[in-house]
Amino acid sequence: HYAVTSSSSPATPPVSAQDPARLERVVRADYRFIWRLLRRFGVPQSHAEDAAQQVFLIVAERLQDIAPGRERSFAFGTALRLSQSLRRRSHRELPSDGADERVSHAPAGEELLDQQRAREHLEQVLAEMPLELRTVLILFELEAMTSPEIAQLIEVPLGTVASRLRRARALFRSLSAERFPTAANGRRGEP
């Protein structure tokens, strides 16, 4: 899902060598976004930094083929494919943030435990959702992107985004209530 420019030729050096400023702009603009997406797509925290760097190495290698203005979509698609590959290899290793919490100035005790449980519940429910629904839900609800921005990023019609978001929200509520009945708005035992 990337746009190829017609001006590239085998004799032309890579754009990243010709235009390091373009690569730097892409990395500065999208690194945090890509890192968060990798985490939200199930890449363990211990692997997220390396995975984000791998995404941008691929962007650098292919920069000559990416139409200007399409860099974020290319990086997004690369991160999505990489996260799926890593998840298949690791068989869904749940991240452990315990070491970070011990040295941080985060809230203590029960509040911290509640936050960790909520994060684990979210990750478990998202992991069970089909990729197309999970993607739209993450981008809209967690990344606070608008529907038009999502449509442009994942290269689908706006109506498809709306439909997937509606289905994703319904599935998320259903899976949450099924897996964690006491945490789902106080409802117990609802399917």
N, C-alpha and C. Protein backbone atom coordinates (compact mmCIF):
# COMPACT_ATOMS: atom_id res chain seq x y z
N HIS A 1 0.82 -1.19 0.00
CA HIS A 1 0.00 0.00 0.00
C HIS A 1 0.86 1.26 0.00
N TYR A 2 1.65 1.42 -0.96
CA TYR A 2 2.43 2.65 -1.07
C TYR A 2 2.39 3.10 -2.50
N ALA A 3 2.60 4.38 -2.68
CA ALA A 3 2.58 4.96 -4.02
C ALA A 3 4.00 4.98 -4.57
N VAL A 4 4.13 4.51 -5.78
CA VAL A 4 5.44 4.47 -6.41
C VAL A 4 5.55 5.64 -7.38
N THR A 5 6.67 6.33 -7.31
CA THR A 5 6.88 7.44 -8.22
C THR A 5 7.39 6.91 -9.54
N SER A 6 7.12 7.64 -10.61
CA SER A 6 7.56 7.20 -11.93
C SER A 6 8.97 7.68 -12.26
N SER A 7 9.54 8.52 -11.40
CA SER A 7 10.85 9.08 -11.71
C SER A 7 12.01 8.23 -11.22
N SER A 8 11.75 7.12 -10.51
CA SER A 8 12.85 6.31 -10.02
C SER A 8 13.37 5.41 -11.13
N SER A 9 14.68 5.21 -11.12
CA SER A 9 15.30 4.32 -12.09
C SER A 9 16.42 3.58 -11.40
N PRO A 10 16.82 2.40 -11.91
CA PRO A 10 17.85 1.62 -11.25
C PRO A 10 19.18 2.37 -11.12
N ALA A 11 19.48 3.29 -12.02
CA ALA A 11 20.76 4.01 -11.98
C ALA A 11 20.74 5.15 -10.96
N THR A 12 19.57 5.51 -10.45
CA THR A 12 19.45 6.61 -9.51
C THR A 12 19.77 6.12 -8.11
N PRO A 13 20.65 6.81 -7.37
CA PRO A 13 20.91 6.41 -6.00
C PRO A 13 19.64 6.55 -5.15
N PRO A 14 19.56 5.82 -4.05
CA PRO A 14 18.37 5.92 -3.21
C PRO A 14 18.15 7.36 -2.76
N VAL A 15 16.86 7.72 -2.62
CA VAL A 15 16.50 9.07 -2.21
C VAL A 15 17.07 9.36 -0.82
N SER A 16 17.12 8.34 0.04
CA SER A 16 17.62 8.57 1.39
C SER A 16 19.06 9.06 1.34
N ALA A 17 19.86 8.61 0.33
CA ALA A 17 21.23 9.09 0.17
C ALA A 17 21.22 10.48 -0.46
N GLN A 18 20.25 10.72 -1.36
CA GLN A 18 20.15 12.01 -2.03
C GLN A 18 19.47 13.05 -1.15
N ASP A 19 18.54 12.62 -0.32
CA ASP A 19 17.71 13.54 0.44
C ASP A 19 17.60 13.10 1.90
N PRO A 20 18.69 13.18 2.64
CA PRO A 20 18.62 12.76 4.05
C PRO A 20 17.65 13.63 4.85
N ALA A 21 17.43 14.86 4.41
CA ALA A 21 16.49 15.74 5.12
C ALA A 21 15.07 15.18 5.05
N ARG A 22 14.69 14.61 3.92
CA ARG A 22 13.35 14.02 3.79
C ARG A 22 13.20 12.85 4.76
N LEU A 23 14.20 11.99 4.83
CA LEU A 23 14.15 10.86 5.75
C LEU A 23 14.07 11.36 7.19
N GLU A 24 14.85 12.35 7.52
CA GLU A 24 14.83 12.89 8.88
C GLU A 24 13.46 13.47 9.22
N ARG A 25 12.83 14.16 8.27
CA ARG A 25 11.48 14.70 8.49
C ARG A 25 10.49 13.59 8.76
N VAL A 26 10.59 12.51 8.00
CA VAL A 26 9.67 11.38 8.17
C VAL A 26 9.85 10.77 9.55
N VAL A 27 11.08 10.52 9.94
CA VAL A 27 11.34 9.91 11.24
C VAL A 27 10.88 10.83 12.36
N ARG A 28 11.21 12.10 12.29
CA ARG A 28 10.79 13.05 13.34
C ARG A 28 9.27 13.16 13.43
N ALA A 29 8.61 13.15 12.30
CA ALA A 29 7.15 13.33 12.29
C ALA A 29 6.41 12.09 12.78
N ASP A 30 6.93 10.90 12.49
CA ASP A 30 6.12 9.70 12.70
C ASP A 30 6.70 8.65 13.64
N TYR A 31 7.88 8.87 14.20
CA TYR A 31 8.49 7.83 15.03
C TYR A 31 7.61 7.45 16.22
N ARG A 32 7.17 8.43 16.99
CA ARG A 32 6.35 8.13 18.18
C ARG A 32 5.04 7.46 17.80
N PHE A 33 4.43 7.93 16.73
CA PHE A 33 3.18 7.34 16.23
C PHE A 33 3.40 5.87 15.89
N ILE A 34 4.45 5.56 15.17
CA ILE A 34 4.74 4.18 14.77
C ILE A 34 5.06 3.33 16.00
N TRP A 35 5.82 3.86 16.94
CA TRP A 35 6.15 3.11 18.16
C TRP A 35 4.87 2.74 18.91
N ARG A 36 3.97 3.73 19.08
CA ARG A 36 2.71 3.47 19.79
C ARG A 36 1.88 2.42 19.05
N LEU A 37 1.82 2.52 17.73
CA LEU A 37 1.05 1.54 16.96
C LEU A 37 1.62 0.14 17.13
N LEU A 38 2.93 0.02 17.07
CA LEU A 38 3.54 -1.28 17.26
C LEU A 38 3.15 -1.87 18.61
N ARG A 39 3.19 -1.06 19.66
CA ARG A 39 2.79 -1.54 20.99
C ARG A 39 1.33 -1.94 20.99
N ARG A 40 0.49 -1.11 20.38
CA ARG A 40 -0.95 -1.38 20.40
C ARG A 40 -1.33 -2.55 19.51
N PHE A 41 -0.47 -2.88 18.58
CA PHE A 41 -0.71 -4.06 17.74
C PHE A 41 -0.05 -5.30 18.33
N GLY A 42 0.40 -5.22 19.58
CA GLY A 42 0.85 -6.41 20.30
C GLY A 42 2.34 -6.63 20.35
N VAL A 43 3.15 -5.71 19.88
CA VAL A 43 4.60 -5.88 19.99
C VAL A 43 4.98 -5.58 21.44
N PRO A 44 5.65 -6.52 22.11
CA PRO A 44 6.04 -6.29 23.51
C PRO A 44 6.93 -5.05 23.64
N GLN A 45 6.83 -4.39 24.77
CA GLN A 45 7.61 -3.17 25.00
C GLN A 45 9.10 -3.44 24.82
N SER A 46 9.55 -4.61 25.21
CA SER A 46 10.97 -4.94 25.10
C SER A 46 11.44 -5.01 23.64
N HIS A 47 10.51 -5.14 22.69
CA HIS A 47 10.86 -5.23 21.27
C HIS A 47 10.41 -4.01 20.46
N ALA A 48 9.66 -3.11 21.08
CA ALA A 48 9.05 -2.00 20.33
C ALA A 48 10.08 -1.05 19.73
N GLU A 49 11.12 -0.74 20.46
CA GLU A 49 12.13 0.19 19.96
C GLU A 49 12.83 -0.39 18.74
N ASP A 50 13.22 -1.67 18.83
CA ASP A 50 13.88 -2.32 17.69
C ASP A 50 12.93 -2.42 16.50
N ALA A 51 11.67 -2.72 16.76
CA ALA A 51 10.70 -2.85 15.68
C ALA A 51 10.48 -1.50 15.00
N ALA A 52 10.40 -0.43 15.78
CA ALA A 52 10.22 0.91 15.19
C ALA A 52 11.43 1.27 14.33
N GLN A 53 12.61 0.95 14.81
CA GLN A 53 13.81 1.22 14.02
C GLN A 53 13.80 0.41 12.73
N GLN A 54 13.33 -0.83 12.82
CA GLN A 54 13.25 -1.66 11.62
C GLN A 54 12.27 -1.06 10.60
N VAL A 55 11.16 -0.54 11.07
CA VAL A 55 10.19 0.12 10.17
C VAL A 55 10.88 1.25 9.42
N PHE A 56 11.62 2.08 10.13
CA PHE A 56 12.24 3.23 9.48
C PHE A 56 13.46 2.85 8.64
N LEU A 57 14.08 1.73 8.92
CA LEU A 57 15.12 1.23 8.01
C LEU A 57 14.49 0.83 6.68
N ILE A 58 13.33 0.20 6.74
CA ILE A 58 12.62 -0.18 5.52
C ILE A 58 12.18 1.07 4.77
N VAL A 59 11.68 2.07 5.51
CA VAL A 59 11.30 3.33 4.88
C VAL A 59 12.51 3.93 4.18
N ALA A 60 13.66 3.94 4.85
CA ALA A 60 14.87 4.51 4.25
C ALA A 60 15.26 3.77 2.98
N GLU A 61 15.17 2.44 3.00
CA GLU A 61 15.52 1.64 1.83
C GLU A 61 14.58 1.89 0.66
N ARG A 62 13.32 2.15 0.96
CA ARG A 62 12.30 2.28 -0.09
C ARG A 62 11.91 3.72 -0.36
N LEU A 63 12.55 4.68 0.29
CA LEU A 63 12.14 6.07 0.18
C LEU A 63 12.05 6.56 -1.27
N GLN A 64 12.93 6.05 -2.11
CA GLN A 64 12.90 6.48 -3.52
C GLN A 64 11.62 6.03 -4.22
N ASP A 65 10.97 5.00 -3.71
CA ASP A 65 9.75 4.48 -4.32
C ASP A 65 8.48 5.09 -3.74
N ILE A 66 8.61 5.83 -2.65
CA ILE A 66 7.44 6.38 -1.95
C ILE A 66 7.17 7.79 -2.47
N ALA A 67 5.97 8.00 -2.95
CA ALA A 67 5.59 9.33 -3.43
C ALA A 67 5.62 10.31 -2.27
N PRO A 68 6.11 11.51 -2.48
CA PRO A 68 6.09 12.52 -1.42
C PRO A 68 4.67 12.70 -0.87
N GLY A 69 4.58 12.76 0.44
CA GLY A 69 3.28 12.87 1.10
C GLY A 69 2.67 11.53 1.47
N ARG A 70 3.25 10.44 1.02
CA ARG A 70 2.72 9.09 1.31
C ARG A 70 3.61 8.34 2.29
N GLU A 71 4.59 9.01 2.86
CA GLU A 71 5.55 8.35 3.74
C GLU A 71 4.87 7.75 4.98
N ARG A 72 3.92 8.48 5.56
CA ARG A 72 3.26 7.99 6.78
C ARG A 72 2.44 6.73 6.47
N SER A 73 1.76 6.71 5.36
CA SER A 73 0.99 5.52 4.98
C SER A 73 1.91 4.33 4.77
N PHE A 74 3.04 4.56 4.14
CA PHE A 74 4.00 3.48 3.92
C PHE A 74 4.54 2.96 5.25
N ALA A 75 4.92 3.87 6.15
CA ALA A 75 5.44 3.47 7.46
C ALA A 75 4.37 2.72 8.25
N PHE A 76 3.12 3.20 8.16
CA PHE A 76 2.01 2.53 8.85
C PHE A 76 1.85 1.10 8.35
N GLY A 77 1.79 0.93 7.03
CA GLY A 77 1.64 -0.42 6.46
C GLY A 77 2.80 -1.33 6.84
N THR A 78 4.00 -0.78 6.85
CA THR A 78 5.17 -1.56 7.23
C THR A 78 5.08 -1.97 8.70
N ALA A 79 4.68 -1.05 9.56
CA ALA A 79 4.53 -1.35 10.99
C ALA A 79 3.46 -2.41 11.21
N LEU A 80 2.38 -2.33 10.47
CA LEU A 80 1.31 -3.30 10.60
C LEU A 80 1.79 -4.70 10.22
N ARG A 81 2.46 -4.81 9.08
CA ARG A 81 2.98 -6.11 8.65
C ARG A 81 4.05 -6.64 9.61
N LEU A 82 4.92 -5.77 10.07
CA LEU A 82 5.97 -6.19 10.99
C LEU A 82 5.38 -6.65 12.31
N SER A 83 4.38 -5.94 12.82
CA SER A 83 3.77 -6.35 14.09
C SER A 83 3.11 -7.72 13.96
N GLN A 84 2.47 -7.98 12.84
CA GLN A 84 1.85 -9.28 12.62
C GLN A 84 2.90 -10.39 12.57
N SER A 85 4.00 -10.11 11.90
CA SER A 85 5.09 -11.08 11.82
C SER A 85 5.68 -11.36 13.21
N LEU A 86 5.91 -10.32 13.97
CA LEU A 86 6.47 -10.49 15.32
C LEU A 86 5.49 -11.22 16.23
N ARG A 87 4.23 -10.94 16.10
CA ARG A 87 3.23 -11.62 16.93
C ARG A 87 3.16 -13.10 16.60
N ARG A 88 3.25 -13.43 15.31
CA ARG A 88 3.24 -14.84 14.93
C ARG A 88 4.45 -15.57 15.52
N ARG A 89 5.61 -14.91 15.47
CA ARG A 89 6.83 -15.53 15.99
C ARG A 89 6.81 -15.68 17.49
N SER A 90 6.28 -14.72 18.20
CA SER A 90 6.35 -14.75 19.66
C SER A 90 5.14 -15.40 20.31
N HIS A 91 4.14 -15.75 19.51
CA HIS A 91 2.90 -16.37 20.03
C HIS A 91 2.27 -15.52 21.12
N ARG A 92 2.22 -14.22 20.82
CA ARG A 92 1.53 -13.24 21.67
C ARG A 92 2.10 -13.18 23.09
N GLU A 93 3.33 -12.80 23.18
CA GLU A 93 3.98 -12.56 24.47
C GLU A 93 3.39 -11.28 25.06
N LEU A 94 2.82 -11.37 26.26
CA LEU A 94 2.25 -10.19 26.90
C LEU A 94 3.37 -9.34 27.48
N PRO A 95 3.32 -8.03 27.24
CA PRO A 95 4.38 -7.17 27.78
C PRO A 95 4.31 -7.10 29.30
N SER A 96 5.46 -6.98 29.90
CA SER A 96 5.55 -6.81 31.34
C SER A 96 6.17 -5.45 31.60
N ASP A 97 5.40 -4.57 32.16
CA ASP A 97 5.88 -3.22 32.44
C ASP A 97 6.30 -3.08 33.89
N GLY A 98 6.40 -4.19 34.61
CA GLY A 98 6.71 -4.13 36.03
C GLY A 98 8.00 -3.40 36.35
N ALA A 99 9.04 -3.61 35.57
CA ALA A 99 10.32 -2.95 35.84
C ALA A 99 10.19 -1.45 35.71
N ASP A 100 9.46 -0.98 34.71
CA ASP A 100 9.26 0.46 34.53
C ASP A 100 8.48 1.05 35.69
N GLU A 101 7.50 0.32 36.20
CA GLU A 101 6.66 0.83 37.26
C GLU A 101 7.43 0.92 38.58
N ARG A 102 8.37 0.02 38.81
CA ARG A 102 9.12 0.03 40.06
C ARG A 102 10.01 1.26 40.19
N VAL A 103 10.52 1.77 39.07
CA VAL A 103 11.43 2.91 39.13
C VAL A 103 10.75 4.22 38.78
N SER A 104 9.50 4.19 38.42
CA SER A 104 8.82 5.42 38.02
C SER A 104 8.21 6.11 39.23
N HIS A 105 7.68 7.29 38.99
CA HIS A 105 6.98 8.04 40.01
C HIS A 105 5.48 7.92 39.79
N ALA A 106 5.06 6.79 39.28
CA ALA A 106 3.65 6.54 38.99
C ALA A 106 2.87 6.36 40.28
N PRO A 107 1.54 6.42 40.19
CA PRO A 107 0.73 6.19 41.39
C PRO A 107 1.05 4.83 42.00
N ALA A 108 0.92 4.72 43.29
CA ALA A 108 1.33 3.51 43.98
C ALA A 108 0.14 2.59 44.22
N GLY A 109 0.49 1.38 44.60
CA GLY A 109 -0.45 0.41 45.12
C GLY A 109 -1.57 0.00 44.21
N GLU A 110 -2.76 0.08 44.77
CA GLU A 110 -3.95 -0.42 44.09
C GLU A 110 -4.24 0.31 42.78
N GLU A 111 -4.02 1.61 42.73
CA GLU A 111 -4.27 2.38 41.50
C GLU A 111 -3.37 1.88 40.37
N LEU A 112 -2.12 1.62 40.68
CA LEU A 112 -1.17 1.12 39.69
C LEU A 112 -1.58 -0.28 39.21
N LEU A 113 -2.01 -1.10 40.13
CA LEU A 113 -2.47 -2.44 39.77
C LEU A 113 -3.72 -2.37 38.89
N ASP A 114 -4.64 -1.46 39.20
CA ASP A 114 -5.84 -1.28 38.37
C ASP A 114 -5.47 -0.84 36.96
N GLN A 115 -4.52 0.08 36.86
CA GLN A 115 -4.08 0.54 35.54
C GLN A 115 -3.45 -0.60 34.74
N GLN A 116 -2.64 -1.42 35.41
CA GLN A 116 -2.00 -2.54 34.72
C GLN A 116 -3.04 -3.55 34.26
N ARG A 117 -4.02 -3.84 35.11
CA ARG A 117 -5.09 -4.78 34.73
C ARG A 117 -5.89 -4.24 33.54
N ALA A 118 -6.21 -2.96 33.57
CA ALA A 118 -6.96 -2.36 32.47
C ALA A 118 -6.17 -2.44 31.17
N ARG A 119 -4.88 -2.17 31.24
CA ARG A 119 -4.02 -2.25 30.05
C ARG A 119 -3.97 -3.69 29.52
N GLU A 120 -3.84 -4.66 30.42
CA GLU A 120 -3.83 -6.06 30.00
C GLU A 120 -5.16 -6.48 29.40
N HIS A 121 -6.27 -6.03 29.99
CA HIS A 121 -7.60 -6.34 29.44
C HIS A 121 -7.73 -5.77 28.03
N LEU A 122 -7.32 -4.51 27.87
CA LEU A 122 -7.38 -3.86 26.57
C LEU A 122 -6.56 -4.65 25.55
N GLU A 123 -5.34 -5.03 25.89
CA GLU A 123 -4.48 -5.77 24.97
C GLU A 123 -5.06 -7.13 24.61
N GLN A 124 -5.66 -7.79 25.60
CA GLN A 124 -6.25 -9.11 25.34
C GLN A 124 -7.45 -9.00 24.40
N VAL A 125 -8.31 -8.04 24.64
CA VAL A 125 -9.50 -7.87 23.79
C VAL A 125 -9.08 -7.46 22.38
N LEU A 126 -8.16 -6.50 22.28
CA LEU A 126 -7.70 -6.08 20.95
C LEU A 126 -7.07 -7.24 20.19
N ALA A 127 -6.33 -8.10 20.88
CA ALA A 127 -5.67 -9.23 20.22
C ALA A 127 -6.67 -10.22 19.62
N GLU A 128 -7.87 -10.26 20.18
CA GLU A 128 -8.90 -11.18 19.67
C GLU A 128 -9.69 -10.61 18.49
N MET A 129 -9.57 -9.34 18.26
CA MET A 129 -10.35 -8.71 17.20
C MET A 129 -9.68 -8.91 15.84
N PRO A 130 -10.47 -9.02 14.77
CA PRO A 130 -9.89 -9.08 13.43
C PRO A 130 -9.06 -7.82 13.16
N LEU A 131 -7.99 -7.98 12.42
CA LEU A 131 -7.04 -6.90 12.19
C LEU A 131 -7.69 -5.65 11.61
N GLU A 132 -8.59 -5.80 10.65
CA GLU A 132 -9.20 -4.62 10.01
C GLU A 132 -10.03 -3.82 11.00
N LEU A 133 -10.69 -4.48 11.95
CA LEU A 133 -11.48 -3.77 12.95
C LEU A 133 -10.58 -3.18 14.03
N ARG A 134 -9.61 -3.96 14.46
CA ARG A 134 -8.68 -3.50 15.49
C ARG A 134 -7.93 -2.25 15.02
N THR A 135 -7.52 -2.25 13.77
CA THR A 135 -6.76 -1.12 13.22
C THR A 135 -7.56 0.17 13.31
N VAL A 136 -8.80 0.14 12.85
CA VAL A 136 -9.63 1.34 12.86
C VAL A 136 -9.93 1.78 14.29
N LEU A 137 -10.21 0.84 15.17
CA LEU A 137 -10.50 1.18 16.56
C LEU A 137 -9.29 1.83 17.23
N ILE A 138 -8.12 1.28 17.04
CA ILE A 138 -6.90 1.84 17.63
C ILE A 138 -6.65 3.25 17.10
N LEU A 139 -6.75 3.41 15.79
CA LEU A 139 -6.47 4.71 15.20
C LEU A 139 -7.48 5.77 15.66
N PHE A 140 -8.74 5.40 15.77
CA PHE A 140 -9.77 6.37 16.14
C PHE A 140 -9.78 6.62 17.65
N GLU A 141 -9.88 5.56 18.43
CA GLU A 141 -10.07 5.71 19.87
C GLU A 141 -8.77 5.99 20.62
N LEU A 142 -7.68 5.36 20.25
CA LEU A 142 -6.44 5.52 21.00
C LEU A 142 -5.50 6.57 20.41
N GLU A 143 -5.49 6.68 19.09
CA GLU A 143 -4.62 7.67 18.44
C GLU A 143 -5.35 8.99 18.16
N ALA A 144 -6.66 9.01 18.42
CA ALA A 144 -7.48 10.21 18.25
C ALA A 144 -7.41 10.78 16.83
N MET A 145 -7.33 9.90 15.85
CA MET A 145 -7.36 10.33 14.46
C MET A 145 -8.81 10.48 14.02
N THR A 146 -9.05 11.36 13.06
CA THR A 146 -10.40 11.53 12.52
C THR A 146 -10.66 10.43 11.49
N SER A 147 -11.92 10.22 11.19
CA SER A 147 -12.27 9.22 10.17
C SER A 147 -11.64 9.54 8.81
N PRO A 148 -11.67 10.80 8.35
CA PRO A 148 -10.99 11.09 7.08
C PRO A 148 -9.48 10.80 7.12
N GLU A 149 -8.84 11.09 8.26
CA GLU A 149 -7.41 10.79 8.38
C GLU A 149 -7.15 9.29 8.30
N ILE A 150 -8.02 8.51 8.94
CA ILE A 150 -7.88 7.06 8.92
C ILE A 150 -8.10 6.53 7.51
N ALA A 151 -9.13 7.03 6.85
CA ALA A 151 -9.41 6.60 5.47
C ALA A 151 -8.21 6.85 4.58
N GLN A 152 -7.60 8.00 4.73
CA GLN A 152 -6.42 8.31 3.91
C GLN A 152 -5.25 7.42 4.28
N LEU A 153 -5.03 7.20 5.58
CA LEU A 153 -3.89 6.41 6.03
C LEU A 153 -3.98 4.95 5.58
N ILE A 154 -5.15 4.34 5.74
CA ILE A 154 -5.27 2.92 5.40
C ILE A 154 -5.82 2.70 4.00
N GLU A 155 -6.06 3.81 3.31
CA GLU A 155 -6.45 3.78 1.90
C GLU A 155 -7.73 2.99 1.63
N VAL A 156 -8.78 3.39 2.38
CA VAL A 156 -10.11 2.83 2.18
C VAL A 156 -11.10 3.99 2.14
N PRO A 157 -12.30 3.78 1.58
CA PRO A 157 -13.30 4.85 1.56
C PRO A 157 -13.75 5.23 2.98
N LEU A 158 -14.19 6.45 3.13
CA LEU A 158 -14.64 6.97 4.42
C LEU A 158 -15.77 6.12 4.99
N GLY A 159 -16.69 5.68 4.14
CA GLY A 159 -17.79 4.83 4.60
C GLY A 159 -17.30 3.51 5.17
N THR A 160 -16.22 2.99 4.62
CA THR A 160 -15.65 1.74 5.13
C THR A 160 -15.09 1.96 6.54
N VAL A 161 -14.47 3.11 6.75
CA VAL A 161 -13.95 3.43 8.08
C VAL A 161 -15.10 3.47 9.08
N ALA A 162 -16.19 4.17 8.72
CA ALA A 162 -17.34 4.29 9.61
C ALA A 162 -17.94 2.92 9.93
N SER A 163 -18.07 2.09 8.92
CA SER A 163 -18.63 0.75 9.11
C SER A 163 -17.73 -0.10 10.01
N ARG A 164 -16.43 -0.07 9.74
CA ARG A 164 -15.49 -0.86 10.55
C ARG A 164 -15.46 -0.35 11.99
N LEU A 165 -15.52 0.95 12.17
CA LEU A 165 -15.50 1.52 13.51
C LEU A 165 -16.74 1.09 14.29
N ARG A 166 -17.89 1.14 13.65
CA ARG A 166 -19.13 0.72 14.31
C ARG A 166 -19.05 -0.76 14.70
N ARG A 167 -18.60 -1.60 13.78
CA ARG A 167 -18.47 -3.03 14.07
C ARG A 167 -17.40 -3.29 15.13
N ALA A 168 -16.31 -2.54 15.08
CA ALA A 168 -15.22 -2.71 16.06
C ALA A 168 -15.69 -2.36 17.46
N ARG A 169 -16.43 -1.27 17.59
CA ARG A 169 -16.93 -0.87 18.91
C ARG A 169 -17.87 -1.93 19.47
N ALA A 170 -18.75 -2.44 18.63
CA ALA A 170 -19.69 -3.47 19.08
C ALA A 170 -18.95 -4.73 19.50
N LEU A 171 -17.99 -5.15 18.71
CA LEU A 171 -17.22 -6.35 19.03
C LEU A 171 -16.40 -6.13 20.30
N PHE A 172 -15.80 -4.95 20.43
CA PHE A 172 -15.02 -4.65 21.62
C PHE A 172 -15.88 -4.75 22.87
N ARG A 173 -17.08 -4.16 22.83
CA ARG A 173 -17.99 -4.23 23.98
C ARG A 173 -18.35 -5.68 24.28
N SER A 174 -18.65 -6.43 23.25
CA SER A 174 -19.05 -7.83 23.42
C SER A 174 -17.91 -8.66 24.02
N LEU A 175 -16.73 -8.53 23.44
CA LEU A 175 -15.58 -9.30 23.94
C LEU A 175 -15.21 -8.88 25.36
N SER A 176 -15.31 -7.59 25.65
CA SER A 176 -14.99 -7.11 27.00
C SER A 176 -15.96 -7.69 28.02
N ALA A 177 -17.24 -7.66 27.68
CA ALA A 177 -18.25 -8.19 28.60
C ALA A 177 -18.10 -9.68 28.79
N GLU A 178 -17.72 -10.38 27.72
CA GLU A 178 -17.56 -11.83 27.78
C GLU A 178 -16.31 -12.22 28.58
N ARG A 179 -15.20 -11.54 28.33
CA ARG A 179 -13.93 -11.91 28.96
C ARG A 179 -13.78 -11.35 30.37
N PHE A 180 -14.34 -10.17 30.59
CA PHE A 180 -14.15 -9.47 31.86
C PHE A 180 -15.49 -8.92 32.34
N PRO A 181 -16.41 -9.80 32.72
CA PRO A 181 -17.77 -9.36 33.02
C PRO A 181 -17.86 -8.35 34.16
N THR A 182 -17.00 -8.41 35.15
CA THR A 182 -17.09 -7.45 36.26
C THR A 182 -16.51 -6.10 35.89
N ALA A 183 -15.67 -6.05 34.86
CA ALA A 183 -15.07 -4.79 34.43
C ALA A 183 -15.89 -4.08 33.35
N ALA A 184 -16.84 -4.76 32.77
CA ALA A 184 -17.61 -4.20 31.65
C ALA A 184 -18.82 -3.44 32.18
N ASN A 185 -18.58 -2.24 32.66
CA ASN A 185 -19.65 -1.34 33.12
C ASN A 185 -20.54 -1.96 34.19
N GLY A 186 -19.96 -2.80 34.99
CA GLY A 186 -20.74 -3.38 36.10
C GLY A 186 -21.65 -4.50 35.68
N ARG A 187 -21.68 -4.88 34.41
CA ARG A 187 -22.55 -5.97 33.96
C ARG A 187 -21.89 -7.30 34.31
N ARG A 188 -22.67 -8.20 34.86
CA ARG A 188 -22.11 -9.52 35.23
C ARG A 188 -22.79 -10.60 34.39
N GLY A 189 -21.95 -11.45 33.79
CA GLY A 189 -22.44 -12.61 33.08
C GLY A 189 -23.12 -12.34 31.77
N GLU A 190 -23.14 -11.12 31.28
CA GLU A 190 -23.76 -10.85 29.98
C GLU A 190 -22.90 -11.39 28.86
N PRO A 191 -23.52 -12.01 27.85
CA PRO A 191 -22.70 -12.48 26.71
C PRO A 191 -22.28 -11.35 25.82
